[in-house]
PDB file of N, CA and C in Angstrom:
ATOM      1  N   UNK A   1     180.548  75.235 118.451  1.00  0.00           N
ATOM      2  CA  UNK A   1     180.231  74.835 116.991  1.00  0.00           C
ATOM      3  C   UNK A   1     181.448  74.547 116.305  1.00  0.00           C
ATOM      4  N   UNK A   2     181.426  73.311 115.635  1.00  0.00           N
ATOM      5  CA  UNK A   2     182.607  72.963 114.895  1.00  0.00           C
ATOM      6  C   UNK A   2     182.565  73.658 113.535  1.00  0.00           C
ATOM      7  N   UNK A   3     183.745  73.950 113.036  1.00  0.00           N
ATOM      8  CA  UNK A   3     183.851  74.585 111.647  1.00  0.00           C
ATOM      9  C   UNK A   3     185.162  73.936 110.957  1.00  0.00           C
ATOM     10  N   UNK A   4     185.134  74.311 109.677  1.00  0.00           N
ATOM     11  CA  UNK A   4     186.233  73.823 108.891  1.00  0.00           C
ATOM     12  C   UNK A   4     186.502  72.348 108.799  1.00  0.00           C
ATOM     13  N   UNK A   5     187.808  71.980 108.940  1.00  0.00           N
ATOM     14  CA  UNK A   5     188.188  70.546 108.884  1.00  0.00           C
ATOM     15  C   UNK A   5     187.667  69.693 110.013  1.00  0.00           C
ATOM     16  N   UNK A   6     187.436  70.353 111.255  1.00  0.00           N
ATOM     17  CA  UNK A   6     186.927  69.649 112.383  1.00  0.00           C
ATOM     18  C   UNK A   6     185.489  69.278 112.043  1.00  0.00           C
ATOM     19  N   UNK A   7     184.730  70.109 111.459  1.00  0.00           N
ATOM     20  CA  UNK A   7     183.321  69.913 111.129  1.00  0.00           C
ATOM     21  C   UNK A   7     183.298  68.679 110.114  1.00  0.00           C
ATOM     22  N   UNK A   8     184.148  68.781 109.064  1.00  0.00           N
ATOM     23  CA  UNK A   8     184.091  67.715 108.076  1.00  0.00           C
ATOM     24  C   UNK A   8     184.437  66.399 108.602  1.00  0.00           C
ATOM     25  N   UNK A   9     185.331  66.390 109.533  1.00  0.00           N
ATOM     26  CA  UNK A   9     185.873  65.080 110.139  1.00  0.00           C
ATOM     27  C   UNK A   9     184.681  64.588 111.013  1.00  0.00           C
ATOM     28  N   UNK A  10     184.033  65.368 111.717  1.00  0.00           N
ATOM     29  CA  UNK A  10     182.879  64.973 112.673  1.00  0.00           C
ATOM     30  C   UNK A  10     181.789  64.448 111.771  1.00  0.00           C
ATOM     31  N   UNK A  11     181.337  65.097 110.594  1.00  0.00           N
ATOM     32  CA  UNK A  11     180.265  64.607 109.819  1.00  0.00           C
ATOM     33  C   UNK A  11     180.725  63.207 109.171  1.00  0.00           C
ATOM     34  N   UNK A  12     181.909  63.053 108.791  1.00  0.00           N
ATOM     35  CA  UNK A  12     182.436  61.841 108.306  1.00  0.00           C
ATOM     36  C   UNK A  12     182.361  60.692 109.340  1.00  0.00           C
ATOM     37  N   UNK A  13     182.730  61.067 110.528  1.00  0.00           N
ATOM     38  CA  UNK A  13     182.747  60.087 111.601  1.00  0.00           C
ATOM     39  C   UNK A  13     181.380  59.501 111.905  1.00  0.00           C
ATOM     40  N   UNK A  14     180.381  60.498 111.931  1.00  0.00           N
ATOM     41  CA  UNK A  14     179.106  60.134 112.346  1.00  0.00           C
ATOM     42  C   UNK A  14     178.354  59.488 111.190  1.00  0.00           C
ATOM     43  N   UNK A  15     178.754  59.542 110.102  1.00  0.00           N
ATOM     44  CA  UNK A  15     178.301  58.859 108.981  1.00  0.00           C
ATOM     45  C   UNK A  15     176.724  58.754 108.792  1.00  0.00           C
ATOM     46  N   UNK A  16     176.129  57.670 109.301  1.00  0.00           N
ATOM     47  CA  UNK A  16     174.697  57.383 109.069  1.00  0.00           C
ATOM     48  C   UNK A  16     173.802  57.963 110.157  1.00  0.00           C
ATOM     49  N   UNK A  17     174.258  58.866 110.974  1.00  0.00           N
ATOM     50  CA  UNK A  17     173.502  59.484 111.980  1.00  0.00           C
ATOM     51  C   UNK A  17     172.421  60.279 111.383  1.00  0.00           C
ATOM     52  N   UNK A  18     171.254  60.516 112.102  1.00  0.00           N
ATOM     53  CA  UNK A  18     170.246  61.287 111.588  1.00  0.00           C
ATOM     54  C   UNK A  18     170.714  62.876 111.451  1.00  0.00           C
ATOM     55  N   UNK A  19     169.979  63.553 110.703  1.00  0.00           N
ATOM     56  CA  UNK A  19     170.282  64.984 110.537  1.00  0.00           C
ATOM     57  C   UNK A  19     170.268  65.746 111.771  1.00  0.00           C
ATOM     58  N   UNK A  20     169.299  65.437 112.652  1.00  0.00           N
ATOM     59  CA  UNK A  20     169.186  66.117 113.999  1.00  0.00           C
ATOM     60  C   UNK A  20     170.370  65.765 114.812  1.00  0.00           C
ATOM     61  N   UNK A  21     170.703  64.464 114.881  1.00  0.00           N
ATOM     62  CA  UNK A  21     171.851  64.118 115.675  1.00  0.00           C
ATOM     63  C   UNK A  21     173.182  64.682 115.207  1.00  0.00           C
ATOM     64  N   UNK A  22     173.320  64.831 113.899  1.00  0.00           N
ATOM     65  CA  UNK A  22     174.471  65.333 113.248  1.00  0.00           C
ATOM     66  C   UNK A  22     174.617  66.821 113.611  1.00  0.00           C
ATOM     67  N   UNK A  23     173.600  67.509 113.566  1.00  0.00           N
ATOM     68  CA  UNK A  23     173.588  68.993 113.825  1.00  0.00           C
ATOM     69  C   UNK A  23     173.913  69.159 115.349  1.00  0.00           C
ATOM     70  N   UNK A  24     173.194  68.367 116.243  1.00  0.00           N
ATOM     71  CA  UNK A  24     173.471  68.519 117.621  1.00  0.00           C
ATOM     72  C   UNK A  24     174.917  68.180 118.097  1.00  0.00           C
ATOM     73  N   UNK A  25     175.432  66.979 117.425  1.00  0.00           N
ATOM     74  CA  UNK A  25     176.789  66.601 117.742  1.00  0.00           C
ATOM     75  C   UNK A  25     177.861  67.596 117.335  1.00  0.00           C
ATOM     76  N   UNK A  26     177.612  68.400 116.311  1.00  0.00           N
ATOM     77  CA  UNK A  26     178.564  69.442 115.854  1.00  0.00           C
ATOM     78  C   UNK A  26     178.434  70.663 116.552  1.00  0.00           C
ATOM     79  N   UNK A  27     177.392  70.828 117.513  1.00  0.00           N
ATOM     80  CA  UNK A  27     177.347  71.910 118.327  1.00  0.00           C
ATOM     81  C   UNK A  27     176.333  73.076 117.861  1.00  0.00           C
ATOM     82  N   UNK A  28     175.612  72.820 116.857  1.00  0.00           N
ATOM     83  CA  UNK A  28     174.756  73.828 116.327  1.00  0.00           C
ATOM     84  C   UNK A  28     173.394  73.680 117.019  1.00  0.00           C
ATOM     85  N   UNK A  29     173.445  74.057 118.269  1.00  0.00           N
ATOM     86  CA  UNK A  29     172.326  73.969 119.173  1.00  0.00           C
ATOM     87  C   UNK A  29     172.193  75.215 120.040  1.00  0.00           C
ATOM     88  N   UNK A  30     170.911  75.853 120.212  1.00  0.00           N
ATOM     89  CA  UNK A  30     170.715  76.957 121.057  1.00  0.00           C
ATOM     90  C   UNK A  30     169.635  76.619 121.951  1.00  0.00           C
ATOM     91  N   UNK A  31     169.506  77.425 123.030  1.00  0.00           N
ATOM     92  CA  UNK A  31     168.372  77.175 123.972  1.00  0.00           C
ATOM     93  C   UNK A  31     167.284  78.267 123.817  1.00  0.00           C
ATOM     94  N   UNK A  32     165.988  77.830 123.611  1.00  0.00           N
ATOM     95  CA  UNK A  32     164.965  78.690 123.549  1.00  0.00           C
ATOM     96  C   UNK A  32     164.606  79.347 124.854  1.00  0.00           C
ATOM     97  N   UNK A  33     163.761  80.424 124.917  1.00  0.00           N
ATOM     98  CA  UNK A  33     163.340  81.052 126.234  1.00  0.00           C
ATOM     99  C   UNK A  33     162.719  80.048 127.178  1.00  0.00           C
ATOM    100  N   UNK A  34     162.018  79.138 126.623  1.00  0.00           N
ATOM    101  CA  UNK A  34     161.349  78.090 127.418  1.00  0.00           C
ATOM    102  C   UNK A  34     162.172  77.013 127.972  1.00  0.00           C
ATOM    103  N   UNK A  35     163.527  77.069 127.635  1.00  0.00           N
ATOM    104  CA  UNK A  35     164.434  76.065 127.999  1.00  0.00           C
ATOM    105  C   UNK A  35     164.647  74.939 127.092  1.00  0.00           C
ATOM    106  N   UNK A  36     163.856  74.825 126.073  1.00  0.00           N
ATOM    107  CA  UNK A  36     163.937  73.649 125.079  1.00  0.00           C
ATOM    108  C   UNK A  36     165.010  73.987 124.168  1.00  0.00           C
ATOM    109  N   UNK A  37     165.571  72.916 123.442  1.00  0.00           N
ATOM    110  CA  UNK A  37     166.660  73.212 122.592  1.00  0.00           C
ATOM    111  C   UNK A  37     166.247  73.476 121.107  1.00  0.00           C
ATOM    112  N   UNK A  38     166.932  74.302 120.449  1.00  0.00           N
ATOM    113  CA  UNK A  38     166.692  74.637 119.032  1.00  0.00           C
ATOM    114  C   UNK A  38     167.893  74.135 118.176  1.00  0.00           C
ATOM    115  N   UNK A  39     167.608  73.393 117.130  1.00  0.00           N
ATOM    116  CA  UNK A  39     168.706  73.001 116.328  1.00  0.00           C
ATOM    117  C   UNK A  39     168.843  73.994 115.225  1.00  0.00           C
ATOM    118  N   UNK A  40     170.049  74.467 115.007  1.00  0.00           N
ATOM    119  CA  UNK A  40     170.390  75.504 114.065  1.00  0.00           C
ATOM    120  C   UNK A  40     170.870  74.997 112.670  1.00  0.00           C
ATOM    121  N   UNK A  41     169.831  74.357 111.930  1.00  0.00           N
ATOM    122  CA  UNK A  41     170.229  73.650 110.669  1.00  0.00           C
ATOM    123  C   UNK A  41     170.906  74.523 109.709  1.00  0.00           C
ATOM    124  N   UNK A  42     170.368  75.791 109.557  1.00  0.00           N
ATOM    125  CA  UNK A  42     170.861  76.735 108.598  1.00  0.00           C
ATOM    126  C   UNK A  42     172.313  76.991 108.797  1.00  0.00           C
ATOM    127  N   UNK A  43     172.612  77.338 110.040  1.00  0.00           N
ATOM    128  CA  UNK A  43     174.025  77.756 110.449  1.00  0.00           C
ATOM    129  C   UNK A  43     174.976  76.464 110.208  1.00  0.00           C
ATOM    130  N   UNK A  44     174.407  75.318 110.484  1.00  0.00           N
ATOM    131  CA  UNK A  44     175.184  74.089 110.274  1.00  0.00           C
ATOM    132  C   UNK A  44     175.527  73.846 108.845  1.00  0.00           C
ATOM    133  N   UNK A  45     174.415  73.998 107.975  1.00  0.00           N
ATOM    134  CA  UNK A  45     174.623  73.842 106.581  1.00  0.00           C
ATOM    135  C   UNK A  45     175.568  74.822 105.958  1.00  0.00           C
ATOM    136  N   UNK A  46     175.432  76.127 106.322  1.00  0.00           N
ATOM    137  CA  UNK A  46     176.323  77.171 105.821  1.00  0.00           C
ATOM    138  C   UNK A  46     177.769  76.916 106.151  1.00  0.00           C
ATOM    139  N   UNK A  47     177.993  76.497 107.518  1.00  0.00           N
ATOM    140  CA  UNK A  47     179.340  76.100 107.943  1.00  0.00           C
ATOM    141  C   UNK A  47     179.874  74.922 107.111  1.00  0.00           C
ATOM    142  N   UNK A  48     178.974  73.975 106.896  1.00  0.00           N
ATOM    143  CA  UNK A  48     179.423  72.805 106.125  1.00  0.00           C
ATOM    144  C   UNK A  48     179.865  73.172 104.671  1.00  0.00           C
ATOM    145  N   UNK A  49     179.057  74.139 104.062  1.00  0.00           N
ATOM    146  CA  UNK A  49     179.331  74.614 102.757  1.00  0.00           C
ATOM    147  C   UNK A  49     180.767  75.411 102.743  1.00  0.00           C
ATOM    148  N   UNK A  50     180.914  76.196 103.764  1.00  0.00           N
ATOM    149  CA  UNK A  50     182.207  76.928 103.922  1.00  0.00           C
ATOM    150  C   UNK A  50     183.361  76.063 104.058  1.00  0.00           C
ATOM    151  N   UNK A  51     183.112  74.955 104.896  1.00  0.00           N
ATOM    152  CA  UNK A  51     184.184  73.988 105.114  1.00  0.00           C
ATOM    153  C   UNK A  51     184.589  73.281 103.817  1.00  0.00           C
ATOM    154  N   UNK A  52     183.635  73.130 102.939  1.00  0.00           N
ATOM    155  CA  UNK A  52     183.895  72.425 101.656  1.00  0.00           C
ATOM    156  C   UNK A  52     184.466  73.341 100.630  1.00  0.00           C
ATOM    157  N   UNK A  53     184.498  74.678 100.942  1.00  0.00           N
ATOM    158  CA  UNK A  53     184.985  75.607 100.021  1.00  0.00           C
ATOM    159  C   UNK A  53     183.917  76.191  99.118  1.00  0.00           C
ATOM    160  N   UNK A  54     182.665  76.022  99.387  1.00  0.00           N
ATOM    161  CA  UNK A  54     181.586  76.469  98.487  1.00  0.00           C
ATOM    162  C   UNK A  54     181.056  77.769  99.119  1.00  0.00           C
ATOM    163  N   UNK A  55     180.654  78.672  98.212  1.00  0.00           N
ATOM    164  CA  UNK A  55     180.140  79.969  98.681  1.00  0.00           C
ATOM    165  C   UNK A  55     178.887  80.218  97.958  1.00  0.00           C
ATOM    166  N   UNK A  56     177.757  80.607  98.581  1.00  0.00           N
ATOM    167  CA  UNK A  56     176.658  81.051  97.977  1.00  0.00           C
ATOM    168  C   UNK A  56     176.520  82.461  97.880  1.00  0.00           C
ATOM    169  N   UNK A  57     176.859  83.221  96.864  1.00  0.00           N
ATOM    170  CA  UNK A  57     176.940  84.575  96.663  1.00  0.00           C
ATOM    171  C   UNK A  57     178.119  85.154  97.430  1.00  0.00           C
ATOM    172  N   UNK A  58     177.899  86.440  97.967  1.00  0.00           N
ATOM    173  CA  UNK A  58     178.960  87.109  98.717  1.00  0.00           C
ATOM    174  C   UNK A  58     178.633  87.202 100.054  1.00  0.00           C
ATOM    175  N   UNK A  59     177.924  86.235 100.567  1.00  0.00           N
ATOM    176  CA  UNK A  59     177.561  86.224 102.062  1.00  0.00           C
ATOM    177  C   UNK A  59     176.714  87.376 102.501  1.00  0.00           C
ATOM    178  N   UNK A  60     176.042  88.029 101.531  1.00  0.00           N
ATOM    179  CA  UNK A  60     175.167  89.103 101.844  1.00  0.00           C
ATOM    180  C   UNK A  60     175.816  90.406 102.156  1.00  0.00           C
ATOM    181  N   UNK A  61     177.167  90.515 101.848  1.00  0.00           N
ATOM    182  CA  UNK A  61     177.910  91.801 102.008  1.00  0.00           C
ATOM    183  C   UNK A  61     177.264  92.924 101.220  1.00  0.00           C
ATOM    184  N   UNK A  62     176.953  93.965 101.810  1.00  0.00           N
ATOM    185  CA  UNK A  62     176.402  95.043 101.131  1.00  0.00           C
ATOM    186  C   UNK A  62     174.807  94.959 100.955  1.00  0.00           C
ATOM    187  N   UNK A  63     174.210  94.018 101.506  1.00  0.00           N
ATOM    188  CA  UNK A  63     172.829  93.754 101.473  1.00  0.00           C
ATOM    189  C   UNK A  63     172.126  93.797 102.794  1.00  0.00           C
ATOM    190  N   UNK A  64     170.961  94.287 102.870  1.00  0.00           N
ATOM    191  CA  UNK A  64     170.169  94.296 104.016  1.00  0.00           C
ATOM    192  C   UNK A  64     169.035  93.272 103.901  1.00  0.00           C
ATOM    193  N   UNK A  65     167.957  93.529 104.709  1.00  0.00           N
ATOM    194  CA  UNK A  65     166.923  92.584 104.778  1.00  0.00           C
ATOM    195  C   UNK A  65     166.261  92.558 103.377  1.00  0.00           C
ATOM    196  N   UNK A  66     165.905  91.326 103.013  1.00  0.00           N
ATOM    197  CA  UNK A  66     165.189  91.080 101.814  1.00  0.00           C
ATOM    198  C   UNK A  66     166.171  91.232 100.546  1.00  0.00           C
ATOM    199  N   UNK A  67     167.437  91.356 100.794  1.00  0.00           N
ATOM    200  CA  UNK A  67     168.393  91.512  99.719  1.00  0.00           C
ATOM    201  C   UNK A  67     168.490  92.861  99.157  1.00  0.00           C
ATOM    202  N   UNK A  68     167.921  93.834  99.811  1.00  0.00           N
ATOM    203  CA  UNK A  68     168.008  95.250  99.396  1.00  0.00           C
ATOM    204  C   UNK A  68     169.450  95.652  99.574  1.00  0.00           C
ATOM    205  N   UNK A  69     170.005  96.520  98.540  1.00  0.00           N
ATOM    206  CA  UNK A  69     171.287  97.081  98.815  1.00  0.00           C
ATOM    207  C   UNK A  69     171.270  98.121  99.838  1.00  0.00           C
ATOM    208  N   UNK A  70     172.339  98.103 100.681  1.00  0.00           N
ATOM    209  CA  UNK A  70     172.501  99.087 101.714  1.00  0.00           C
ATOM    210  C   UNK A  70     172.803 100.446 101.270  1.00  0.00           C
ATOM    211  N   UNK A  71     172.325 101.488 101.885  1.00  0.00           N
ATOM    212  CA  UNK A  71     172.559 102.849 101.412  1.00  0.00           C
ATOM    213  C   UNK A  71     173.741 103.431 102.053  1.00  0.00           C
ATOM    214  N   UNK A  72     174.275 102.919 103.126  1.00  0.00           N
ATOM    215  CA  UNK A  72     175.346 103.562 103.868  1.00  0.00           C
ATOM    216  C   UNK A  72     175.098 104.903 104.238  1.00  0.00           C
ATOM    217  N   UNK A  73     173.848 105.224 104.531  1.00  0.00           N
ATOM    218  CA  UNK A  73     173.547 106.525 105.184  1.00  0.00           C
ATOM    219  C   UNK A  73     172.586 106.304 106.315  1.00  0.00           C
ATOM    220  N   UNK A  74     172.532 107.170 107.152  1.00  0.00           N
ATOM    221  CA  UNK A  74     171.662 107.090 108.422  1.00  0.00           C
ATOM    222  C   UNK A  74     170.942 108.510 108.520  1.00  0.00           C
ATOM    223  N   UNK A  75     169.763 108.362 109.015  1.00  0.00           N
ATOM    224  CA  UNK A  75     168.902 109.600 109.382  1.00  0.00           C
ATOM    225  C   UNK A  75     168.600 109.694 110.794  1.00  0.00           C
ATOM    226  N   UNK A  76     168.772 110.954 111.299  1.00  0.00           N
ATOM    227  CA  UNK A  76     168.394 111.232 112.645  1.00  0.00           C
ATOM    228  C   UNK A  76     166.861 111.135 112.728  1.00  0.00           C
ATOM    229  N   UNK A  77     166.402 110.264 113.709  1.00  0.00           N
ATOM    230  CA  UNK A  77     164.930 110.088 113.944  1.00  0.00           C
ATOM    231  C   UNK A  77     164.316 111.253 114.641  1.00  0.00           C
ATOM    232  N   UNK A  78     162.988 111.168 114.616  1.00  0.00           N
ATOM    233  CA  UNK A  78     162.268 112.373 115.277  1.00  0.00           C
ATOM    234  C   UNK A  78     162.516 112.525 116.707  1.00  0.00           C
ATOM    235  N   UNK A  79     162.919 111.454 117.360  1.00  0.00           N
ATOM    236  CA  UNK A  79     163.322 111.623 118.813  1.00  0.00           C
ATOM    237  C   UNK A  79     164.719 111.966 119.091  1.00  0.00           C
ATOM    238  N   UNK A  80     165.474 112.220 117.974  1.00  0.00           N
ATOM    239  CA  UNK A  80     166.869 112.663 118.106  1.00  0.00           C
ATOM    240  C   UNK A  80     167.853 111.425 118.047  1.00  0.00           C
ATOM    241  N   UNK A  81     167.394 110.207 118.018  1.00  0.00           N
ATOM    242  CA  UNK A  81     168.237 109.021 117.961  1.00  0.00           C
ATOM    243  C   UNK A  81     168.775 108.818 116.591  1.00  0.00           C
ATOM    244  N   UNK A  82     170.096 108.326 116.570  1.00  0.00           N
ATOM    245  CA  UNK A  82     170.640 107.956 115.169  1.00  0.00           C
ATOM    246  C   UNK A  82     170.729 106.436 115.232  1.00  0.00           C
ATOM    247  N   UNK A  83     170.086 105.747 114.394  1.00  0.00           N
ATOM    248  CA  UNK A  83     169.996 104.403 114.332  1.00  0.00           C
ATOM    249  C   UNK A  83     170.953 103.741 113.348  1.00  0.00           C
ATOM    250  N   UNK A  84     171.760 102.737 113.751  1.00  0.00           N
ATOM    251  CA  UNK A  84     172.623 101.947 112.854  1.00  0.00           C
ATOM    252  C   UNK A  84     171.926 100.710 112.751  1.00  0.00           C
ATOM    253  N   UNK A  85     171.507 100.252 111.548  1.00  0.00           N
ATOM    254  CA  UNK A  85     170.748  99.111 111.417  1.00  0.00           C
ATOM    255  C   UNK A  85     171.370  97.747 111.601  1.00  0.00           C
ATOM    256  N   UNK A  86     170.607  96.770 111.779  1.00  0.00           N
ATOM    257  CA  UNK A  86     171.102  95.349 111.953  1.00  0.00           C
ATOM    258  C   UNK A  86     171.975  94.837 110.870  1.00  0.00           C
ATOM    259  N   UNK A  87     171.753  95.183 109.638  1.00  0.00           N
ATOM    260  CA  UNK A  87     172.552  94.771 108.500  1.00  0.00           C
ATOM    261  C   UNK A  87     173.957  95.259 108.668  1.00  0.00           C
ATOM    262  N   UNK A  88     174.224  96.423 109.220  1.00  0.00           N
ATOM    263  CA  UNK A  88     175.528  97.030 109.293  1.00  0.00           C
ATOM    264  C   UNK A  88     176.258  96.334 110.565  1.00  0.00           C
ATOM    265  N   UNK A  89     175.545  96.193 111.645  1.00  0.00           N
ATOM    266  CA  UNK A  89     176.197  95.585 112.796  1.00  0.00           C
ATOM    267  C   UNK A  89     176.503  94.004 112.508  1.00  0.00           C
ATOM    268  N   UNK A  90     175.644  93.419 111.690  1.00  0.00           N
ATOM    269  CA  UNK A  90     175.909  92.002 111.275  1.00  0.00           C
ATOM    270  C   UNK A  90     177.271  91.926 110.439  1.00  0.00           C
ATOM    271  N   UNK A  91     177.402  92.903 109.518  1.00  0.00           N
ATOM    272  CA  UNK A  91     178.583  92.979 108.642  1.00  0.00           C
ATOM    273  C   UNK A  91     179.856  93.051 109.457  1.00  0.00           C
ATOM    274  N   UNK A  92     179.790  93.714 110.675  1.00  0.00           N
ATOM    275  CA  UNK A  92     180.965  93.901 111.532  1.00  0.00           C
ATOM    276  C   UNK A  92     180.990  92.856 112.596  1.00  0.00           C
ATOM    277  N   UNK A  93     180.067  91.877 112.562  1.00  0.00           N
ATOM    278  CA  UNK A  93     179.946  90.877 113.580  1.00  0.00           C
ATOM    279  C   UNK A  93     179.877  91.375 114.995  1.00  0.00           C
ATOM    280  N   UNK A  94     179.090  92.501 115.138  1.00  0.00           N
ATOM    281  CA  UNK A  94     178.872  93.043 116.577  1.00  0.00           C
ATOM    282  C   UNK A  94     177.815  92.267 117.272  1.00  0.00           C
ATOM    283  N   UNK A  95     177.907  92.241 118.492  1.00  0.00           N
ATOM    284  CA  UNK A  95     177.059  91.406 119.395  1.00  0.00           C
ATOM    285  C   UNK A  95     176.389  92.420 120.376  1.00  0.00           C
ATOM    286  N   UNK A  96     175.181  92.024 120.905  1.00  0.00           N
ATOM    287  CA  UNK A  96     174.553  92.879 121.946  1.00  0.00           C
ATOM    288  C   UNK A  96     175.483  92.986 123.154  1.00  0.00           C
ATOM    289  N   UNK A  97     175.625  94.228 123.623  1.00  0.00           N
ATOM    290  CA  UNK A  97     176.557  94.496 124.704  1.00  0.00           C
ATOM    291  C   UNK A  97     177.944  95.041 124.362  1.00  0.00           C
ATOM    292  N   UNK A  98     178.243  94.937 123.017  1.00  0.00           N
ATOM    293  CA  UNK A  98     179.551  95.477 122.496  1.00  0.00           C
ATOM    294  C   UNK A  98     179.492  96.994 122.870  1.00  0.00           C
ATOM    295  N   UNK A  99     180.618  97.547 123.336  1.00  0.00           N
ATOM    296  CA  UNK A  99     180.679  98.919 123.642  1.00  0.00           C
ATOM    297  C   UNK A  99     181.570  99.758 122.920  1.00  0.00           C
ATOM    298  N   UNK A 100     181.189 101.105 122.622  1.00  0.00           N
ATOM    299  CA  UNK A 100     181.942 101.896 121.833  1.00  0.00           C
ATOM    300  C   UNK A 100     182.095 103.242 122.523  1.00  0.00           C
ATOM    301  N   UNK A 101     183.234 103.828 122.149  1.00  0.00           N
ATOM    302  CA  UNK A 101     183.534 105.288 122.555  1.00  0.00           C
ATOM    303  C   UNK A 101     183.181 106.089 121.506  1.00  0.00           C
ATOM    304  N   UNK A 102     182.249 107.235 121.795  1.00  0.00           N
ATOM    305  CA  UNK A 102     181.833 108.100 120.827  1.00  0.00           C
ATOM    306  C   UNK A 102     182.790 109.304 120.733  1.00  0.00           C
ATOM    307  N   UNK A 103     183.410 109.511 119.579  1.00  0.00           N
ATOM    308  CA  UNK A 103     184.146 110.715 119.296  1.00  0.00           C
ATOM    309  C   UNK A 103     183.380 111.659 118.433  1.00  0.00           C
ATOM    310  N   UNK A 104     183.267 112.960 118.784  1.00  0.00           N
ATOM    311  CA  UNK A 104     182.605 113.943 117.956  1.00  0.00           C
ATOM    312  C   UNK A 104     183.717 114.773 117.382  1.00  0.00           C
ATOM    313  N   UNK A 105     183.546 115.013 116.096  1.00  0.00           N
ATOM    314  CA  UNK A 105     184.549 115.809 115.288  1.00  0.00           C
ATOM    315  C   UNK A 105     183.667 116.876 114.629  1.00  0.00           C
ATOM    316  N   UNK A 106     184.251 117.581 113.698  1.00  0.00           N
ATOM    317  CA  UNK A 106     183.534 118.569 112.893  1.00  0.00           C
ATOM    318  C   UNK A 106     182.652 117.936 111.914  1.00  0.00           C
ATOM    319  N   UNK A 107     181.340 117.903 112.243  1.00  0.00           N
ATOM    320  CA  UNK A 107     180.297 117.328 111.323  1.00  0.00           C
ATOM    321  C   UNK A 107     180.578 115.825 111.170  1.00  0.00           C
ATOM    322  N   UNK A 108     180.972 115.115 112.163  1.00  0.00           N
ATOM    323  CA  UNK A 108     181.208 113.634 112.099  1.00  0.00           C
ATOM    324  C   UNK A 108     181.126 113.073 113.339  1.00  0.00           C
ATOM    325  N   UNK A 109     180.741 111.806 113.443  1.00  0.00           N
ATOM    326  CA  UNK A 109     180.685 110.981 114.705  1.00  0.00           C
ATOM    327  C   UNK A 109     181.547 109.710 114.392  1.00  0.00           C
ATOM    328  N   UNK A 110     182.438 109.392 115.298  1.00  0.00           N
ATOM    329  CA  UNK A 110     183.112 108.145 115.144  1.00  0.00           C
ATOM    330  C   UNK A 110     182.795 107.296 116.361  1.00  0.00           C
ATOM    331  N   UNK A 111     182.598 105.990 116.079  1.00  0.00           N
ATOM    332  CA  UNK A 111     182.428 104.985 117.065  1.00  0.00           C
ATOM    333  C   UNK A 111     183.657 104.096 117.131  1.00  0.00           C
ATOM    334  N   UNK A 112     184.276 104.141 118.301  1.00  0.00           N
ATOM    335  CA  UNK A 112     185.502 103.365 118.390  1.00  0.00           C
ATOM    336  C   UNK A 112     185.313 102.222 119.354  1.00  0.00           C
ATOM    337  N   UNK A 113     185.596 101.019 119.089  1.00  0.00           N
ATOM    338  CA  UNK A 113     185.346  99.973 119.980  1.00  0.00           C
ATOM    339  C   UNK A 113     186.104 100.110 121.315  1.00  0.00           C
ATOM    340  N   UNK A 114     185.527  99.969 122.476  1.00  0.00           N
ATOM    341  CA  UNK A 114     186.101 100.162 123.782  1.00  0.00           C
ATOM    342  C   UNK A 114     187.468  99.281 123.725  1.00  0.00           C
ATOM    343  N   UNK A 115     188.517  99.981 124.153  1.00  0.00           N
ATOM    344  CA  UNK A 115     189.751  99.242 124.236  1.00  0.00           C
ATOM    345  C   UNK A 115     190.579  99.239 123.033  1.00  0.00           C
ATOM    346  N   UNK A 116     190.016  99.767 121.933  1.00  0.00           N
ATOM    347  CA  UNK A 116     190.712  99.778 120.663  1.00  0.00           C
ATOM    348  C   UNK A 116     191.550 101.056 120.491  1.00  0.00           C
ATOM    349  N   UNK A 117     192.524 101.054 119.689  1.00  0.00           N
ATOM    350  CA  UNK A 117     193.312 102.247 119.330  1.00  0.00           C
ATOM    351  C   UNK A 117     192.603 102.835 118.144  1.00  0.00           C
ATOM    352  N   UNK A 118     192.364 104.184 118.260  1.00  0.00           N
ATOM    353  CA  UNK A 118     191.819 105.011 117.190  1.00  0.00           C
ATOM    354  C   UNK A 118     192.739 105.173 116.028  1.00  0.00           C
ATOM    355  N   UNK A 119     192.181 104.884 114.814  1.00  0.00           N
ATOM    356  CA  UNK A 119     193.009 105.172 113.600  1.00  0.00           C
ATOM    357  C   UNK A 119     192.666 106.494 113.080  1.00  0.00           C
ATOM    358  N   UNK A 120     193.628 107.151 112.410  1.00  0.00           N
ATOM    359  CA  UNK A 120     193.379 108.419 111.788  1.00  0.00           C
ATOM    360  C   UNK A 120     192.789 108.331 110.471  1.00  0.00           C
TER     361      UNK A 120
END
């Protein structure tokens, strides 16, 4: 997916192309489970706004689903699991499969990305 000045240059180069062709040419395409392609218009337009130096709000920092403010607290569930929600993992740009080392301290749990050096 093109970003920044490369994205702006490609959009200018393609000029009169249809919106679908523009999104596809800039790489904002993903594949659905059935094998068909999905054009990611929202991601394209957000990248285009960023490339032009425009920002809509604070990019959702500190906000969860529906614009609610994040509490920055977690509760142990009935089955003993401790859930860190999607809003938090999105803020850190974590992807499925990212691994962490769990360090237990006195009344605290630290998650350290695998291969990273622990900070004090």
